[in-house]
Amino acid sequence: MCCPASRRHIPLVGRIAALPLPRRHPERVVVDQVVASGSYMFTDAKKIVVPDDTYGCEQMLDVNYLQQQGSLGHFHELGHRHQFHGIDFSGLREVSVNL
């Protein structure tokens, strides 16, 4: 993501999580016509995949929208990229990602 909001957000998340700068990997977002995992959005080891629709794509690219409304879905998936699996309780992986 290259919008000003994400350029500010990503370093803050890294600082809260005590991750070193510069980042170890770029954040890669893929927009797909059919999100193959069966989920609305998902994250794997190399990318975040979002659907090509109003919420998944258009709002992600709208800096004013992100600054004013935020986006739980996009930032939740970004959180998976920085998740510490050692602090997860059994079955709560989708909760601790939002810390």
N, C-alpha and C. Protein backbone atom coordinates (compact mmCIF):
# COMPACT_ATOMS: atom_id res chain seq x y z
N MET A 1 0.85 -1.17 0.00
CA MET A 1 0.00 0.00 0.00
C MET A 1 0.90 1.23 0.00
N CYS A 2 0.51 2.18 -0.79
CA CYS A 2 1.40 3.32 -0.92
C CYS A 2 0.73 4.64 -0.58
N CYS A 3 -0.46 4.60 0.00
CA CYS A 3 -1.13 5.86 0.31
C CYS A 3 -0.51 6.48 1.56
N PRO A 4 -0.63 7.81 1.73
CA PRO A 4 -0.05 8.48 2.90
C PRO A 4 -0.52 7.89 4.23
N ALA A 5 -1.79 7.50 4.31
CA ALA A 5 -2.30 6.93 5.56
C ALA A 5 -1.55 5.65 5.92
N SER A 6 -1.32 4.77 4.96
CA SER A 6 -0.62 3.52 5.27
C SER A 6 0.86 3.78 5.56
N ARG A 7 1.45 4.79 4.92
CA ARG A 7 2.85 5.12 5.23
C ARG A 7 3.00 5.58 6.67
N ARG A 8 1.96 6.20 7.22
CA ARG A 8 2.00 6.60 8.63
C ARG A 8 1.62 5.44 9.53
N HIS A 9 0.63 4.65 9.12
CA HIS A 9 0.11 3.57 9.96
C HIS A 9 1.11 2.43 10.14
N ILE A 10 1.72 1.99 9.07
CA ILE A 10 2.59 0.82 9.13
C ILE A 10 3.76 1.02 10.10
N PRO A 11 4.48 2.15 10.07
CA PRO A 11 5.55 2.33 11.06
C PRO A 11 5.03 2.37 12.50
N LEU A 12 3.84 2.93 12.72
CA LEU A 12 3.27 2.96 14.08
C LEU A 12 2.98 1.56 14.58
N VAL A 13 2.40 0.72 13.74
CA VAL A 13 2.13 -0.66 14.12
C VAL A 13 3.44 -1.36 14.44
N GLY A 14 4.45 -1.14 13.61
CA GLY A 14 5.75 -1.75 13.85
C GLY A 14 6.37 -1.29 15.16
N ARG A 15 6.22 -0.02 15.48
CA ARG A 15 6.78 0.51 16.72
C ARG A 15 6.05 -0.09 17.93
N ILE A 16 4.73 -0.18 17.86
CA ILE A 16 3.97 -0.78 18.95
C ILE A 16 4.38 -2.23 19.16
N ALA A 17 4.61 -2.94 18.07
CA ALA A 17 4.99 -4.36 18.15
C ALA A 17 6.49 -4.54 18.36
N ALA A 18 7.24 -3.45 18.47
CA ALA A 18 8.70 -3.48 18.66
C ALA A 18 9.40 -4.19 17.50
N LEU A 19 8.89 -3.98 16.29
CA LEU A 19 9.54 -4.54 15.10
C LEU A 19 10.63 -3.59 14.64
N PRO A 20 11.73 -4.13 14.15
CA PRO A 20 12.83 -3.27 13.70
C PRO A 20 12.49 -2.53 12.41
N LEU A 21 13.05 -1.35 12.27
CA LEU A 21 12.96 -0.61 11.01
C LEU A 21 14.34 -0.66 10.37
N PRO A 22 14.51 -0.72 9.08
CA PRO A 22 13.45 -0.80 8.10
C PRO A 22 12.75 -2.14 8.17
N ARG A 23 11.58 -2.21 7.57
CA ARG A 23 10.78 -3.43 7.59
C ARG A 23 11.51 -4.55 6.89
N ARG A 24 11.28 -5.77 7.36
CA ARG A 24 11.93 -6.94 6.76
C ARG A 24 11.36 -7.29 5.40
N HIS A 25 10.12 -6.90 5.15
CA HIS A 25 9.48 -7.25 3.88
C HIS A 25 8.51 -6.15 3.49
N PRO A 26 8.29 -5.97 2.21
CA PRO A 26 7.28 -4.98 1.79
C PRO A 26 5.88 -5.54 2.04
N GLU A 27 4.93 -4.65 2.18
CA GLU A 27 3.54 -5.08 2.32
C GLU A 27 2.95 -5.14 0.92
N ARG A 28 2.54 -6.29 0.51
CA ARG A 28 2.03 -6.51 -0.84
C ARG A 28 0.55 -6.82 -0.78
N VAL A 29 -0.25 -6.04 -1.49
CA VAL A 29 -1.70 -6.27 -1.55
C VAL A 29 -2.06 -6.62 -2.98
N VAL A 30 -2.76 -7.74 -3.13
CA VAL A 30 -3.19 -8.21 -4.43
C VAL A 30 -4.71 -8.07 -4.50
N VAL A 31 -5.19 -7.42 -5.55
CA VAL A 31 -6.63 -7.30 -5.79
C VAL A 31 -7.01 -8.39 -6.78
N ASP A 32 -7.99 -9.21 -6.41
CA ASP A 32 -8.35 -10.36 -7.23
C ASP A 32 -9.86 -10.38 -7.50
N GLN A 33 -10.25 -10.83 -8.67
CA GLN A 33 -11.66 -10.96 -9.02
C GLN A 33 -12.35 -12.01 -8.16
N VAL A 34 -11.64 -13.10 -7.88
CA VAL A 34 -12.19 -14.19 -7.08
C VAL A 34 -11.18 -14.52 -5.99
N VAL A 35 -11.51 -14.22 -4.74
CA VAL A 35 -10.61 -14.51 -3.63
C VAL A 35 -10.73 -16.00 -3.33
N ALA A 36 -9.68 -16.74 -3.62
CA ALA A 36 -9.73 -18.20 -3.68
C ALA A 36 -9.85 -18.89 -2.32
N SER A 37 -9.56 -18.23 -1.23
CA SER A 37 -9.53 -18.93 0.06
C SER A 37 -10.91 -19.22 0.61
N GLY A 38 -11.95 -18.64 0.03
CA GLY A 38 -13.28 -18.78 0.59
C GLY A 38 -13.60 -17.69 1.59
N SER A 39 -12.62 -16.88 1.91
CA SER A 39 -12.80 -15.73 2.81
C SER A 39 -13.02 -14.48 1.99
N TYR A 40 -13.46 -13.43 2.65
CA TYR A 40 -13.62 -12.15 1.95
C TYR A 40 -12.25 -11.56 1.62
N MET A 41 -11.37 -11.54 2.60
CA MET A 41 -9.97 -11.12 2.44
C MET A 41 -9.13 -12.18 3.15
N PHE A 42 -7.87 -12.31 2.76
CA PHE A 42 -7.00 -13.21 3.51
C PHE A 42 -5.55 -12.77 3.36
N THR A 43 -4.72 -13.32 4.22
CA THR A 43 -3.29 -13.04 4.23
C THR A 43 -2.55 -14.36 4.20
N ASP A 44 -1.47 -14.42 3.43
CA ASP A 44 -0.58 -15.56 3.53
C ASP A 44 0.82 -15.02 3.79
N ALA A 45 1.81 -15.85 3.67
CA ALA A 45 3.17 -15.45 4.04
C ALA A 45 3.73 -14.31 3.18
N LYS A 46 3.18 -14.11 1.98
CA LYS A 46 3.76 -13.14 1.07
C LYS A 46 2.85 -11.99 0.68
N LYS A 47 1.54 -12.08 0.99
CA LYS A 47 0.65 -11.04 0.46
C LYS A 47 -0.67 -10.99 1.22
N ILE A 48 -1.37 -9.89 1.02
CA ILE A 48 -2.74 -9.72 1.46
C ILE A 48 -3.58 -9.73 0.18
N VAL A 49 -4.66 -10.50 0.16
CA VAL A 49 -5.52 -10.57 -1.02
C VAL A 49 -6.87 -9.97 -0.66
N VAL A 50 -7.31 -9.02 -1.48
CA VAL A 50 -8.61 -8.37 -1.28
C VAL A 50 -9.41 -8.51 -2.57
N PRO A 51 -10.76 -8.51 -2.45
CA PRO A 51 -11.59 -8.61 -3.64
C PRO A 51 -11.66 -7.29 -4.40
N ASP A 52 -11.96 -7.40 -5.67
CA ASP A 52 -12.09 -6.23 -6.53
C ASP A 52 -13.53 -5.71 -6.43
N ASP A 53 -13.83 -5.06 -5.31
CA ASP A 53 -15.15 -4.47 -5.12
C ASP A 53 -15.00 -3.15 -4.38
N THR A 54 -16.12 -2.53 -4.03
CA THR A 54 -16.07 -1.21 -3.41
C THR A 54 -15.29 -1.23 -2.10
N TYR A 55 -15.59 -2.18 -1.22
CA TYR A 55 -14.90 -2.20 0.07
C TYR A 55 -13.46 -2.68 -0.06
N GLY A 56 -13.26 -3.77 -0.77
CA GLY A 56 -11.94 -4.37 -0.85
C GLY A 56 -10.92 -3.51 -1.57
N CYS A 57 -11.33 -2.87 -2.65
CA CYS A 57 -10.38 -2.15 -3.48
C CYS A 57 -10.57 -0.63 -3.43
N GLU A 58 -11.74 -0.16 -3.77
CA GLU A 58 -11.95 1.28 -3.88
C GLU A 58 -11.69 2.01 -2.57
N GLN A 59 -12.21 1.49 -1.47
CA GLN A 59 -12.02 2.18 -0.19
C GLN A 59 -10.58 2.07 0.29
N MET A 60 -9.91 0.98 -0.06
CA MET A 60 -8.51 0.83 0.32
C MET A 60 -7.64 1.90 -0.34
N LEU A 61 -8.04 2.35 -1.52
CA LEU A 61 -7.28 3.35 -2.26
C LEU A 61 -7.74 4.77 -1.98
N ASP A 62 -8.75 4.94 -1.16
CA ASP A 62 -9.30 6.26 -0.85
C ASP A 62 -8.70 6.76 0.47
N VAL A 63 -7.68 7.59 0.38
CA VAL A 63 -6.97 8.08 1.56
C VAL A 63 -7.91 8.78 2.52
N ASN A 64 -8.80 9.63 2.01
CA ASN A 64 -9.73 10.34 2.89
C ASN A 64 -10.62 9.36 3.65
N TYR A 65 -11.12 8.35 2.97
CA TYR A 65 -11.96 7.35 3.62
C TYR A 65 -11.18 6.65 4.74
N LEU A 66 -9.97 6.21 4.45
CA LEU A 66 -9.17 5.50 5.46
C LEU A 66 -8.87 6.39 6.65
N GLN A 67 -8.56 7.66 6.41
CA GLN A 67 -8.26 8.57 7.51
C GLN A 67 -9.48 8.88 8.35
N GLN A 68 -10.64 8.98 7.72
CA GLN A 68 -11.85 9.36 8.44
C GLN A 68 -12.61 8.16 9.00
N GLN A 69 -12.68 7.07 8.26
CA GLN A 69 -13.49 5.92 8.66
C GLN A 69 -12.66 4.72 9.14
N GLY A 70 -11.42 4.63 8.67
CA GLY A 70 -10.62 3.46 8.97
C GLY A 70 -11.08 2.28 8.13
N SER A 71 -10.54 1.11 8.41
CA SER A 71 -10.93 -0.09 7.70
C SER A 71 -10.50 -1.31 8.50
N LEU A 72 -11.41 -1.83 9.28
CA LEU A 72 -11.08 -2.99 10.12
C LEU A 72 -10.57 -4.15 9.27
N GLY A 73 -11.20 -4.40 8.13
CA GLY A 73 -10.78 -5.53 7.29
C GLY A 73 -9.35 -5.42 6.81
N HIS A 74 -9.00 -4.28 6.25
CA HIS A 74 -7.65 -4.10 5.71
C HIS A 74 -6.61 -4.11 6.83
N PHE A 75 -6.88 -3.40 7.92
CA PHE A 75 -5.89 -3.34 9.00
C PHE A 75 -5.84 -4.66 9.76
N HIS A 76 -6.94 -5.41 9.79
CA HIS A 76 -6.93 -6.74 10.38
C HIS A 76 -5.98 -7.65 9.60
N GLU A 77 -6.11 -7.63 8.28
CA GLU A 77 -5.22 -8.46 7.45
C GLU A 77 -3.78 -8.00 7.57
N LEU A 78 -3.54 -6.71 7.62
CA LEU A 78 -2.19 -6.20 7.84
C LEU A 78 -1.66 -6.69 9.19
N GLY A 79 -2.53 -6.75 10.18
CA GLY A 79 -2.13 -7.26 11.49
C GLY A 79 -1.63 -8.69 11.45
N HIS A 80 -2.22 -9.52 10.57
CA HIS A 80 -1.73 -10.89 10.43
C HIS A 80 -0.27 -10.91 10.01
N ARG A 81 0.15 -9.92 9.25
CA ARG A 81 1.54 -9.89 8.77
C ARG A 81 2.51 -9.57 9.91
N HIS A 82 1.99 -9.12 11.04
CA HIS A 82 2.85 -8.72 12.17
C HIS A 82 2.46 -9.45 13.45
N GLN A 83 1.71 -10.51 13.30
CA GLN A 83 1.19 -11.24 14.45
C GLN A 83 2.28 -12.04 15.13
N PHE A 84 2.25 -12.03 16.45
CA PHE A 84 3.16 -12.84 17.25
C PHE A 84 2.41 -14.08 17.68
N HIS A 85 2.69 -15.20 17.04
CA HIS A 85 1.93 -16.42 17.31
C HIS A 85 2.19 -16.96 18.70
N GLY A 86 3.27 -16.60 19.34
CA GLY A 86 3.55 -17.08 20.69
C GLY A 86 2.61 -16.51 21.74
N ILE A 87 1.91 -15.43 21.45
CA ILE A 87 0.99 -14.86 22.44
C ILE A 87 -0.45 -15.29 22.22
N ASP A 88 -0.69 -16.08 21.20
CA ASP A 88 -2.05 -16.53 20.91
C ASP A 88 -2.48 -17.62 21.88
N PHE A 89 -3.72 -17.53 22.30
CA PHE A 89 -4.32 -18.61 23.06
C PHE A 89 -4.97 -19.57 22.05
N SER A 90 -5.13 -20.79 22.41
CA SER A 90 -5.72 -21.76 21.51
C SER A 90 -7.05 -21.27 20.95
N GLY A 91 -7.15 -21.25 19.64
CA GLY A 91 -8.39 -20.84 18.98
C GLY A 91 -8.65 -19.35 18.89
N LEU A 92 -7.71 -18.53 19.33
CA LEU A 92 -7.93 -17.07 19.33
C LEU A 92 -7.06 -16.32 18.34
N ARG A 93 -6.61 -16.97 17.33
CA ARG A 93 -5.72 -16.34 16.35
C ARG A 93 -6.38 -15.13 15.70
N GLU A 94 -7.68 -15.15 15.48
CA GLU A 94 -8.35 -14.04 14.85
C GLU A 94 -8.62 -12.88 15.82
N VAL A 95 -8.37 -13.09 17.10
CA VAL A 95 -8.54 -12.02 18.08
C VAL A 95 -7.23 -11.30 18.32
N SER A 96 -6.16 -12.04 18.60
CA SER A 96 -4.89 -11.40 18.92
C SER A 96 -4.29 -10.66 17.74
N VAL A 97 -4.74 -10.94 16.53
CA VAL A 97 -4.24 -10.22 15.36
C VAL A 97 -4.59 -8.74 15.43
N ASN A 98 -5.65 -8.39 16.15
CA ASN A 98 -6.11 -7.01 16.24
C ASN A 98 -5.41 -6.20 17.32
N LEU A 99 -4.46 -6.81 18.04
CA LEU A 99 -3.75 -6.06 19.09
C LEU A 99 -2.82 -5.04 18.50
